[in-house]
Protein backbone atom coordinates (compact mmCIF):
# COMPACT_ATOMS: atom_id res chain seq x y z
CA MET A 1 -19.22 4.76 -7.08
CA LEU A 2 -15.92 6.26 -4.72
CA LEU A 3 -12.76 7.74 -6.99
CA ARG A 4 -10.47 6.36 -4.91
CA GLY A 5 -8.41 9.39 -4.53
CA GLY A 6 -8.30 12.84 -1.43
CA ILE A 7 -9.63 11.73 1.60
CA ALA A 8 -10.92 14.77 2.45
CA ALA A 9 -12.62 15.42 -0.90
CA ALA A 10 -16.48 16.10 -1.29
CA LEU A 11 -19.19 13.55 -2.94
CA ILE A 12 -19.78 14.07 -5.69
CA VAL A 13 -22.67 13.00 -7.92
CA LEU A 14 -22.47 10.74 -11.13
CA THR A 15 -25.39 9.69 -13.42
CA ALA A 16 -24.80 6.28 -13.27
CA ALA A 17 -25.89 3.57 -11.65
CA GLY A 18 -27.53 5.94 -9.14
CA THR A 19 -24.56 5.65 -6.88
CA ALA A 20 -21.89 9.03 -5.62
CA LEU A 21 -18.23 9.44 -6.17
CA ALA A 22 -15.90 11.11 -3.30
CA ASP A 23 -12.40 12.17 -3.58
CA PRO A 24 -9.61 10.97 -4.94
CA SER A 25 -7.95 9.49 -2.04
CA ALA A 26 -7.70 6.15 0.57
CA GLN A 27 -5.60 3.79 1.84
CA VAL A 28 -4.92 0.06 1.79
CA VAL A 29 -7.24 -1.87 4.01
CA GLY A 30 -6.56 -5.55 5.63
CA GLY A 31 -3.49 -4.98 4.03
CA THR A 32 0.43 -5.56 5.40
CA ARG A 33 3.39 -2.97 5.66
CA ALA A 34 4.99 -2.45 2.25
CA SER A 35 9.04 -1.73 2.11
CA ILE A 36 9.70 0.94 0.35
CA GLU A 37 12.81 -0.32 -0.91
CA ASP A 38 10.87 -3.47 -2.20
CA ASN A 39 8.37 -0.69 -4.28
CA PRO A 40 10.32 1.84 -5.44
CA PHE A 41 8.24 2.70 -8.40
CA ALA A 42 5.42 3.60 -5.54
CA VAL A 43 4.78 7.23 -5.23
CA TYR A 44 2.56 9.54 -3.67
CA LEU A 45 0.54 13.00 -4.69
CA ALA A 46 0.45 15.48 -1.91
CA PRO A 47 -0.58 19.36 -1.09
CA THR A 48 2.51 21.57 -2.06
CA ALA A 49 1.43 22.48 1.61
CA ASP A 50 1.97 19.43 2.77
CA THR A 51 3.62 16.79 2.05
CA ARG A 52 2.53 14.34 4.68
CA ASP A 53 -0.61 14.32 3.50
CA PRO A 54 -0.69 12.02 0.55
CA ARG A 55 -3.57 12.09 -1.73
CA CYS A 56 -2.99 9.95 -4.15
CA THR A 57 -0.58 7.24 -5.57
CA GLY A 58 1.23 6.77 -8.27
CA VAL A 59 4.08 5.04 -10.48
CA VAL A 60 7.28 5.54 -11.49
CA VAL A 61 7.37 4.75 -15.15
CA ALA A 62 10.31 6.65 -16.63
CA PRO A 63 12.43 8.58 -14.67
CA ASN A 64 10.51 12.30 -14.06
CA LYS A 65 7.01 10.56 -15.21
CA ILE A 66 4.68 9.53 -12.89
CA LEU A 67 1.34 7.28 -14.13
CA THR A 68 -1.54 8.41 -11.75
CA ALA A 69 -5.23 7.87 -12.10
CA ALA A 70 -7.21 10.98 -14.12
CA HIS A 71 -9.49 11.41 -11.49
CA CYS A 72 -6.62 12.43 -9.39
CA VAL A 73 -5.69 15.64 -11.41
CA ASP A 74 -9.42 16.53 -12.96
CA GLU A 75 -10.26 19.70 -11.85
CA GLY A 76 -13.49 17.90 -12.25
CA VAL A 77 -15.49 20.80 -12.68
CA THR A 78 -15.52 21.40 -16.80
CA GLY A 79 -13.38 18.77 -16.91
CA PRO A 80 -11.49 16.67 -18.15
CA LYS A 81 -9.01 19.33 -17.31
CA PRO A 82 -5.61 19.22 -15.32
CA ILE A 83 -5.30 20.80 -11.69
CA PRO A 84 -2.86 23.68 -11.74
CA LEU A 85 0.60 22.72 -11.50
CA ASP A 86 1.57 24.05 -8.43
CA LYS A 87 -1.85 22.30 -6.47
CA ARG A 88 0.20 18.89 -5.84
CA VAL A 89 3.88 17.48 -5.99
CA VAL A 90 5.03 13.95 -5.69
CA VAL A 91 6.93 12.39 -3.34
CA ALA A 92 8.95 9.35 -3.78
CA GLY A 93 10.97 6.81 -2.07
CA ARG A 94 9.24 7.93 1.61
CA GLU A 95 7.65 5.03 3.36
CA ASN A 96 6.34 6.36 6.11
CA VAL A 97 4.85 9.94 5.31
CA HIS A 98 5.46 11.85 8.36
CA SER A 99 9.25 10.82 7.21
CA THR A 100 9.86 14.39 5.91
CA GLY A 101 13.75 14.01 6.01
CA GLU A 102 13.49 11.10 3.86
CA GLY A 103 12.34 10.60 0.15
CA VAL A 104 12.55 13.69 -2.94
CA VAL A 105 9.80 15.72 -3.32
CA ALA A 106 9.62 17.00 -6.86
CA LYS A 107 7.58 19.47 -8.44
CA LEU A 108 4.76 19.04 -11.58
CA THR A 109 6.02 20.26 -15.17
CA LYS A 110 2.94 18.64 -17.00
CA ILE A 111 -0.07 16.52 -16.58
CA VAL A 112 -1.55 15.07 -19.20
CA ILE A 113 -4.77 13.21 -18.79
CA ASN A 114 -6.08 10.59 -20.89
CA PRO A 115 -7.47 11.61 -24.02
CA LYS A 116 -9.99 8.83 -23.68
CA TYR A 117 -10.31 10.05 -20.26
CA ASP A 118 -14.51 10.64 -20.13
CA GLY A 119 -14.96 10.69 -16.30
CA ILE A 120 -15.33 6.87 -16.25
CA SER A 121 -13.41 5.34 -18.41
CA PHE A 122 -9.57 4.98 -19.57
CA ASP A 123 -9.30 6.90 -15.88
CA SER A 124 -5.03 7.55 -16.26
CA ALA A 125 -3.12 10.87 -16.57
CA VAL A 126 0.88 10.51 -17.08
CA LEU A 127 2.62 13.36 -15.24
CA THR A 128 6.06 15.00 -15.96
CA LEU A 129 8.99 16.05 -12.96
CA ASP A 130 10.77 18.76 -12.18
CA ARG A 131 13.90 16.30 -12.02
CA ALA A 132 14.62 12.57 -12.92
CA LEU A 133 13.57 10.17 -10.19
CA LYS A 134 16.79 7.66 -8.73
CA GLN A 135 13.80 4.94 -8.03
CA LYS A 136 13.90 1.98 -10.95
CA PRO A 137 10.51 2.48 -12.96
CA ILE A 138 8.31 -0.56 -13.25
CA LYS A 139 6.99 -2.77 -16.41
CA MET A 140 3.66 -2.18 -17.81
CA ALA A 141 1.88 -4.91 -18.95
CA GLY A 142 1.43 -4.72 -22.37
CA ALA A 143 -0.58 -7.17 -25.27
CA ALA A 144 1.95 -10.41 -24.46
CA ASP A 145 0.77 -10.12 -20.76
CA ARG A 146 -2.94 -11.71 -21.15
CA HIS A 147 -2.88 -14.04 -18.63
CA LEU A 148 -1.67 -12.12 -15.88
CA TYR A 149 -5.41 -10.82 -15.92
CA ALA A 150 -6.91 -14.44 -15.82
CA PRO A 151 -9.39 -14.57 -13.02
CA GLY A 152 -8.19 -16.70 -10.20
CA LYS A 153 -5.38 -14.91 -10.31
CA SER A 154 -4.48 -11.96 -7.60
CA ALA A 155 -2.36 -9.01 -7.53
CA THR A 156 -0.90 -6.52 -5.18
CA VAL A 157 -2.14 -3.39 -5.03
CA LEU A 158 0.28 -0.71 -2.56
CA GLY A 159 -0.87 2.93 -1.34
CA TRP A 160 -1.11 5.33 1.69
CA GLY A 161 -4.66 5.88 1.65
CA ALA A 162 -6.85 4.95 4.32
CA VAL A 163 -7.11 2.03 6.24
CA LYS A 164 -10.38 1.58 6.49
CA GLU A 165 -13.92 3.04 4.83
CA GLY A 166 -14.16 6.44 6.32
CA GLY A 167 -11.14 6.48 7.82
CA SER A 168 -7.73 7.91 7.40
CA THR A 169 -4.10 6.81 6.01
CA ASN A 170 -1.62 5.18 9.12
CA GLY A 171 1.23 7.36 7.46
CA TYR A 172 2.37 3.88 5.80
CA LEU A 173 2.68 2.11 2.55
CA MET A 174 0.43 -1.17 2.90
CA LYS A 175 -0.22 -4.02 -0.04
CA ALA A 176 -2.87 -6.56 0.04
CA SER A 177 -2.75 -9.36 -2.38
CA ILE A 178 -6.34 -9.25 -4.30
CA PRO A 179 -7.83 -11.96 -6.73
CA ILE A 180 -9.03 -10.87 -10.36
CA LEU A 181 -12.24 -11.41 -11.05
CA GLU A 182 -15.10 -12.50 -14.23
CA ASP A 183 -15.71 -9.38 -16.06
CA GLU A 184 -19.29 -10.07 -15.25
CA THR A 185 -19.42 -9.34 -11.76
CA CYS A 186 -18.30 -6.50 -12.24
CA ARG A 187 -20.46 -5.75 -14.89
CA VAL A 188 -23.24 -7.25 -12.72
CA PHE A 189 -22.44 -4.69 -9.74
CA TRP A 190 -22.11 -1.38 -11.32
CA GLY A 191 -25.39 -1.97 -13.74
CA LYS A 192 -26.31 0.47 -16.25
CA ASP A 193 -25.20 3.90 -16.70
CA ASP A 194 -28.28 6.32 -17.85
CA GLU A 195 -28.50 5.34 -21.34
CA GLY A 196 -28.55 1.93 -20.84
CA ASN A 197 -24.83 1.12 -21.55
CA ASP A 198 -22.63 -1.08 -18.66
CA PHE A 199 -21.26 1.11 -16.50
CA TYR A 200 -18.68 -1.51 -15.99
CA GLU A 201 -16.24 -2.11 -19.49
CA ASN A 202 -13.58 -4.34 -20.01
CA LYS A 203 -11.77 -2.29 -22.81
CA SER A 204 -10.21 -0.07 -20.01
CA MET A 205 -10.59 -1.32 -17.52
CA LEU A 206 -10.30 -4.92 -14.30
CA CYS A 207 -12.37 -6.17 -12.03
CA ALA A 208 -10.62 -7.83 -8.81
CA ALA A 209 -12.09 -7.76 -4.78
CA VAL A 210 -11.82 -10.42 -1.96
CA MET A 211 -15.57 -10.48 -2.18
CA LYS A 212 -16.04 -12.01 1.81
CA GLY A 213 -14.14 -8.08 1.96
CA GLY A 214 -11.70 -7.07 4.78
CA VAL A 215 -8.95 -6.55 1.89
CA ASP A 216 -9.83 -3.86 -0.54
CA ALA A 217 -7.76 -0.53 -1.54
CA CYS A 218 -9.89 2.49 -0.29
CA ASN A 219 -9.64 6.77 -0.41
CA GLY A 220 -6.07 8.46 -1.19
CA ASP A 221 -4.72 4.64 -3.02
CA SER A 222 -6.06 6.05 -6.54
CA GLY A 223 -3.86 5.63 -9.09
CA GLY A 224 -1.86 3.37 -7.35
CA PRO A 225 -0.30 -0.16 -8.69
CA PHE A 226 -2.04 -3.30 -9.09
CA VAL A 227 0.93 -5.57 -9.83
CA ALA A 228 1.33 -9.01 -11.19
CA GLY A 229 4.93 -11.57 -12.23
CA SER A 230 6.37 -7.60 -11.67
CA LYS A 231 4.98 -5.74 -14.49
CA LEU A 232 1.95 -2.99 -13.49
CA ILE A 233 -1.25 -4.00 -14.84
CA GLY A 234 -3.69 -1.92 -13.50
CA LEU A 235 -3.84 1.59 -11.28
CA VAL A 236 -7.11 1.62 -8.48
CA SER A 237 -9.72 3.65 -9.77
CA LYS A 238 -13.28 3.17 -8.24
CA GLY A 239 -14.83 0.98 -5.78
CA GLU A 240 -17.99 1.26 -3.89
CA GLY A 241 -17.33 2.04 -0.17
CA CYS A 242 -14.14 -0.19 1.11
CA ALA A 243 -14.03 -3.74 1.98
CA ARG A 244 -17.55 -4.30 1.43
CA PRO A 245 -18.42 -8.14 1.19
CA ASN A 246 -19.30 -8.21 -2.70
CA HIS A 247 -18.41 -5.19 -4.06
CA PRO A 248 -16.10 -5.98 -6.61
CA ALA A 249 -13.79 -2.97 -7.46
CA ILE A 250 -12.44 -1.74 -11.04
CA TYR A 251 -9.18 -1.32 -11.86
CA ALA A 252 -7.60 1.32 -14.54
CA ARG A 253 -5.99 -1.81 -17.43
CA VAL A 254 -2.95 -0.61 -18.25
CA ASP A 255 -2.23 -3.49 -20.99
CA ALA A 256 -5.01 -0.59 -22.66
CA ILE A 257 -2.70 2.35 -22.12
CA ASN A 258 0.74 0.99 -22.44
CA SER A 259 1.11 2.70 -26.12
CA TRP A 260 -0.20 5.92 -25.30
CA VAL A 261 1.72 6.41 -22.05
CA ALA A 262 4.89 5.31 -24.12
CA LYS A 263 4.31 7.56 -26.26
CA GLU A 264 4.20 10.73 -23.57
CA ILE A 265 7.06 8.90 -21.68
CA SER A 266 8.71 9.31 -24.86
CA ARG A 267 7.86 13.69 -24.54
């Protein structure tokens, strides 16, 4: 299984469905260029030493708060445990990662991993920045937005990740339309964990894919926004490879974490 965060991260064996987890970074496969002006809420996480190296994507949910995937900021050793604050910065307002004169680079002052995150479920974290961003936050889906999750509907994924499996970013923010699938499709594909429980569960997860292949999120897109009806409904979380036929991907459900995120925003 691929945790879609950093492109250069090492594989970590996970005791689930006999698959392996890769680092948390990648870019949209089969997508098109996206405008940062039209999607100001999209940001990326980069190493402090090089802001041209997107490792994960994130979402502005308040002027100084970023929502991203927990595995993007989980030390991954005796976890869940946040990485040191000085390991990552957030880059906002920069469409091309190489345009270092554009956008804002913000430092992290706090990382809060979802307390329900177990390495698989509730893959979400809230980052607090050292400044308020001018970028307009996106509205998060809540209990009244279940219709946005209906199978057959499509949502837009955004990110700076790899543009093909095993490849690297092209440096630009990309987007693609991905259909939402029945939960059973992911439940069957991802199988059981070592304790016989379904790996996929719909309390905190959302199933989506272009089943013929060719379009998908990829390494580096982890934590990136999945948007429908002008609201954030999901975060890029897990996939096996990138854009493979009949390989449904998992997104973290935002309506399942809305109240938790709201509490973190208010702190």
